[in-house]
Protein backbone atom coordinates (compact mmCIF):
# COMPACT_ATOMS: atom_id res chain seq x y z
CA MET A 1 7.09 8.89 -16.82
CA LEU A 2 9.21 6.43 -14.86
CA GLN A 3 12.95 6.89 -14.73
CA GLU A 4 14.49 4.08 -12.74
CA VAL A 5 13.68 0.78 -11.04
CA ILE A 6 15.49 -0.17 -7.85
CA PRO A 7 15.24 -3.35 -5.72
CA ALA A 8 13.07 -3.15 -2.61
CA THR A 9 14.37 -3.83 0.87
CA PRO A 10 12.57 -6.87 2.34
CA GLY A 11 9.61 -6.12 4.61
CA TYR A 12 7.60 -3.73 2.42
CA PHE A 13 4.11 -4.77 1.32
CA VAL A 14 1.35 -3.27 -0.83
CA LEU A 15 -1.84 -3.22 1.24
CA ALA A 16 -5.32 -3.55 -0.20
CA PRO A 17 -8.57 -3.79 1.76
CA VAL A 18 -10.62 -6.92 1.04
CA HIS A 19 -14.00 -8.12 2.30
CA LYS A 20 -14.17 -11.44 4.12
CA GLU A 21 -17.21 -13.72 3.85
CA ALA A 22 -18.50 -12.68 7.28
CA GLY A 23 -18.47 -9.01 6.22
CA GLU A 24 -15.24 -8.02 7.97
CA VAL A 25 -12.61 -6.03 6.13
CA GLU A 26 -8.99 -7.08 6.33
CA ALA A 27 -5.74 -6.16 4.62
CA LEU A 28 -4.32 -8.21 1.77
CA LEU A 29 -0.50 -7.99 1.84
CA THR A 30 1.52 -8.34 -1.36
CA PRO A 31 5.34 -8.16 -1.08
CA VAL A 32 7.08 -5.25 -2.81
CA VAL A 33 9.99 -6.58 -4.88
CA ALA A 34 11.14 -3.28 -6.42
CA TRP A 35 10.35 0.43 -6.65
CA ALA A 36 9.80 2.46 -9.82
CA LEU A 37 10.82 6.11 -9.47
CA GLU A 38 8.97 8.85 -11.33
CA ARG A 39 11.29 10.89 -13.53
CA ASP A 40 10.52 14.44 -12.31
CA THR A 41 9.42 13.92 -8.70
CA PHE A 42 11.23 10.70 -7.77
CA GLN A 43 7.92 9.52 -6.28
CA PRO A 44 8.32 5.77 -5.61
CA TYR A 45 5.73 3.33 -6.91
CA PRO A 46 5.72 -0.28 -5.71
CA ILE A 47 6.34 -3.22 -7.99
CA SER A 48 5.07 -6.58 -6.75
CA LEU A 49 4.80 -9.96 -8.42
CA ASP A 50 1.53 -8.57 -9.83
CA GLY A 51 3.47 -5.77 -11.57
CA LEU A 52 3.72 -2.00 -11.20
CA ASP A 53 1.04 -0.48 -8.95
CA VAL A 54 0.63 3.29 -9.38
CA ASP A 55 -2.72 3.20 -7.53
CA ALA A 56 -1.62 1.27 -4.42
CA PRO A 57 -3.92 2.15 -1.51
CA ALA A 58 -1.07 1.92 1.00
CA ILE A 59 2.34 0.48 1.83
CA LEU A 60 3.20 -1.46 4.99
CA ARG A 61 6.73 -0.61 6.12
CA PRO A 62 9.07 -3.00 7.96
CA ASP A 63 8.50 -1.03 11.21
CA GLY A 64 4.75 -1.81 11.05
CA LYS A 65 3.65 1.68 10.04
CA VAL A 66 1.42 2.21 7.01
CA ASP A 67 1.92 5.00 4.44
CA ARG A 68 -0.44 6.17 1.76
CA LEU A 69 1.83 7.15 -1.11
CA GLY A 70 2.25 10.91 -1.01
CA ARG A 71 -0.27 11.28 1.80
CA GLU A 72 -0.79 10.43 5.48
CA SER A 73 0.73 7.69 7.63
CA PHE A 74 -0.81 5.35 10.19
CA SER A 75 0.78 3.64 13.18
CA CYS A 76 -0.48 0.18 12.19
CA ILE A 77 -2.63 -1.79 9.74
CA ALA A 78 -5.64 -1.66 12.10
CA ASP A 79 -5.60 2.18 12.13
CA TRP A 80 -5.35 2.24 8.33
CA LEU A 81 -8.32 -0.15 8.00
CA VAL A 82 -10.42 2.03 10.33
CA ASP A 83 -9.59 5.07 8.18
CA MET A 84 -10.42 3.18 4.97
CA GLN A 85 -13.80 2.20 6.36
CA LEU A 86 -14.48 5.73 7.58
CA HIS A 87 -13.63 7.50 4.32
CA PHE A 88 -14.58 4.87 1.75
CA PRO A 89 -18.11 3.47 2.28
CA LYS A 90 -17.49 0.44 0.07
CA TYR A 91 -15.09 -0.89 2.74
CA ARG A 92 -17.54 -0.60 5.63
CA ASN A 93 -18.83 -3.76 7.28
């Protein structure tokens, strides 16, 4: 259950892997406009213009690093995409 919604600092984006026509995989960036906090754990969930996203694959931070919510971090989008392709066959070229 969500407890509170707070505005997001500019520079945060929800990342989602997408296939290009030529077979490459790239990151689709959607700006985060607010964060919804879970009542018991205070886990933040991004809210974009598309709405609340509790299943966001990853978040791009203003410093260029990528976080999977509640899991590992990556130094950049390219490293995250490599990991997505390695662990999730549907994102392989």
